[in-house]
Amino acid sequence: MARGRFLNRDKQPSESEIRERIGNEVLPVWDDVINYLEKQFSGYHPEMIFYSDQEGWAFRYRSGLQHLCTLFPEQGAFHALIPLDPQEDQKAIEKFDFFNARIRELLSRQSSLPQGRWLWVRLEDHTDFVGFKLLVELKKS
């Protein structure tokens, strides 16, 4: 899954390196996601973490122990890891038709986790951003 991610544990990427890696085409989506999270989820604070050797550096948004999402910048896009508990997962499935094909495909797969699912959503354009917003809004209620 690590498509051109920042995998060097010893070198945290700078903001300019992240923006360059994401690229001009997807950068407006990245900026919209960051601005949306800052405004709608101000209680969740981003922290830059080294997630794993396979996934690399990421921005994790959480409040205390509550995890909202984690953003993984990569070449020409970025991934969002959105953990859903069983109730949130059920709400997402109920809104199935509101998502684009990419997210519907993810929701169609059977989860192997007993406590919900982890959705790995690749964001490349604003239709992905709309789906991302729907998914994180489920976590508010």
Protein backbone atom coordinates (compact mmCIF):
# COMPACT_ATOMS: atom_id res chain seq x y z
CA MET A 1 0.00 0.00 0.00
CA ALA A 2 3.00 2.35 0.46
CA ARG A 3 2.95 4.15 -2.89
CA GLY A 4 5.73 6.71 -2.70
CA ARG A 5 5.29 7.32 1.03
CA PHE A 6 7.80 8.72 3.50
CA LEU A 7 9.31 5.49 4.86
CA ASN A 8 12.54 6.75 6.42
CA ARG A 9 11.95 6.53 10.18
CA ASP A 10 14.97 8.76 10.85
CA LYS A 11 13.79 11.70 8.73
CA GLN A 12 10.46 13.33 9.44
CA PRO A 13 9.27 15.02 6.23
CA SER A 14 8.80 18.77 6.15
CA GLU A 15 5.56 20.42 5.08
CA SER A 16 7.12 21.45 1.77
CA GLU A 17 8.32 17.87 1.10
CA ILE A 18 4.82 16.56 1.83
CA ARG A 19 3.18 19.10 -0.45
CA GLU A 20 5.65 18.35 -3.25
CA ARG A 21 5.12 14.60 -2.94
CA ILE A 22 1.31 14.91 -3.00
CA GLY A 23 1.59 17.08 -6.12
CA ASN A 24 -0.25 20.08 -7.50
CA GLU A 25 -3.17 18.08 -8.87
CA VAL A 26 -4.20 16.59 -5.49
CA LEU A 27 -2.90 19.37 -3.24
CA PRO A 28 -6.26 21.27 -3.22
CA VAL A 29 -7.93 18.12 -1.87
CA TRP A 30 -5.25 17.76 0.83
CA ASP A 31 -5.71 21.41 1.83
CA ASP A 32 -9.50 21.01 1.93
CA VAL A 33 -9.24 17.91 4.13
CA ILE A 34 -6.83 19.63 6.55
CA ASN A 35 -9.01 22.77 6.72
CA TYR A 36 -12.17 20.70 7.17
CA LEU A 37 -10.64 18.72 10.04
CA GLU A 38 -9.37 21.92 11.72
CA LYS A 39 -12.81 23.56 11.55
CA GLN A 40 -15.17 20.63 12.15
CA PHE A 41 -13.03 18.62 14.56
CA SER A 42 -11.09 21.29 16.43
CA GLY A 43 -10.88 19.06 19.52
CA TYR A 44 -8.83 16.53 17.55
CA HIS A 45 -5.21 17.49 17.30
CA PRO A 46 -2.94 16.32 14.49
CA GLU A 47 0.35 14.77 15.44
CA MET A 48 3.03 13.67 13.02
CA ILE A 49 3.91 10.05 13.76
CA PHE A 50 5.95 7.31 12.20
CA TYR A 51 3.17 4.75 11.79
CA SER A 52 5.14 1.72 10.61
CA ASP A 53 7.94 0.63 8.29
CA GLN A 54 5.34 -0.27 5.63
CA GLU A 55 3.16 2.86 5.91
CA GLY A 56 5.67 5.53 6.95
CA TRP A 57 5.01 9.02 8.29
CA ALA A 58 1.45 10.19 8.85
CA PHE A 59 -0.75 12.77 10.56
CA ARG A 60 -2.87 11.14 13.25
CA TYR A 61 -5.93 13.05 14.46
CA ARG A 62 -7.10 12.10 17.90
CA SER A 63 -8.55 13.50 21.08
CA GLY A 64 -7.30 11.63 24.10
CA LEU A 65 -7.72 7.98 23.20
CA GLN A 66 -10.37 8.65 20.54
CA HIS A 67 -8.94 8.20 17.03
CA LEU A 68 -10.65 10.14 14.25
CA CYS A 69 -8.39 9.36 11.28
CA THR A 70 -4.79 9.15 10.10
CA LEU A 71 -3.58 10.77 6.86
CA PHE A 72 -0.70 9.22 4.89
CA PRO A 73 0.79 11.54 2.23
CA GLU A 74 2.14 9.75 -0.83
CA GLN A 75 3.05 10.29 -4.46
CA GLY A 76 0.12 11.93 -6.28
CA ALA A 77 -2.47 11.24 -3.57
CA PHE A 78 -2.90 10.44 0.10
CA HIS A 79 -4.63 7.74 2.10
CA ALA A 80 -6.89 8.21 5.08
CA LEU A 81 -7.21 5.44 7.64
CA ILE A 82 -10.65 5.77 9.23
CA PRO A 83 -11.43 3.34 12.05
CA LEU A 84 -15.13 2.57 12.41
CA ASP A 85 -16.68 0.84 15.41
CA PRO A 86 -19.57 -1.56 14.67
CA GLN A 87 -22.25 1.16 15.01
CA GLU A 88 -20.35 3.58 12.75
CA ASP A 89 -19.76 0.78 10.29
CA GLN A 90 -23.49 0.03 10.18
CA LYS A 91 -24.27 3.73 9.64
CA ALA A 92 -21.76 3.83 6.76
CA ILE A 93 -23.39 0.81 5.14
CA GLU A 94 -26.80 2.49 5.49
CA LYS A 95 -25.40 5.46 3.52
CA PHE A 96 -23.80 3.16 0.93
CA ASP A 97 -25.41 4.87 -2.09
CA PHE A 98 -24.04 8.28 -1.06
CA PHE A 99 -20.42 7.21 -1.55
CA ASN A 100 -18.42 7.06 -4.77
CA ALA A 101 -17.46 3.73 -6.33
CA ARG A 102 -14.08 3.58 -4.58
CA ILE A 103 -15.60 3.81 -1.08
CA ARG A 104 -18.55 1.56 -1.95
CA GLU A 105 -16.01 -1.09 -2.97
CA LEU A 106 -14.31 -0.79 0.44
CA LEU A 107 -17.64 -1.01 2.28
CA SER A 108 -18.65 -4.06 0.23
CA ARG A 109 -15.74 -6.09 1.56
CA GLN A 110 -16.29 -8.17 4.67
CA SER A 111 -14.40 -6.81 7.67
CA SER A 112 -12.03 -9.21 9.40
CA LEU A 113 -12.07 -7.14 12.60
CA PRO A 114 -14.50 -8.09 15.37
CA GLN A 115 -14.76 -4.48 16.61
CA GLY A 116 -15.75 -2.77 13.35
CA ARG A 117 -13.44 -2.02 10.45
CA TRP A 118 -10.52 0.08 9.35
CA LEU A 119 -11.16 1.81 6.04
CA TRP A 120 -8.12 2.75 3.96
CA VAL A 121 -9.48 5.42 1.62
CA ARG A 122 -7.24 6.76 -1.15
CA LEU A 123 -8.05 10.41 -1.81
CA GLU A 124 -7.27 11.68 -5.28
CA ASP A 125 -10.10 14.13 -6.02
CA HIS A 126 -13.04 15.98 -4.46
CA THR A 127 -15.48 13.08 -4.89
CA ASP A 128 -13.20 11.14 -2.52
CA PHE A 129 -13.24 14.15 -0.17
CA VAL A 130 -17.06 14.09 -0.07
CA GLY A 131 -16.97 10.43 0.96
CA PHE A 132 -14.26 11.13 3.53
CA LYS A 133 -16.45 13.83 5.10
CA LEU A 134 -19.43 11.47 5.27
CA LEU A 135 -17.30 8.84 7.00
CA VAL A 136 -15.73 11.09 9.64
CA GLU A 137 -19.10 12.75 10.31
CA LEU A 138 -20.33 9.31 11.41
CA LYS A 139 -17.79 9.51 14.20
CA LYS A 140 -19.37 12.70 15.61
CA SER A 141 -22.63 11.04 16.56
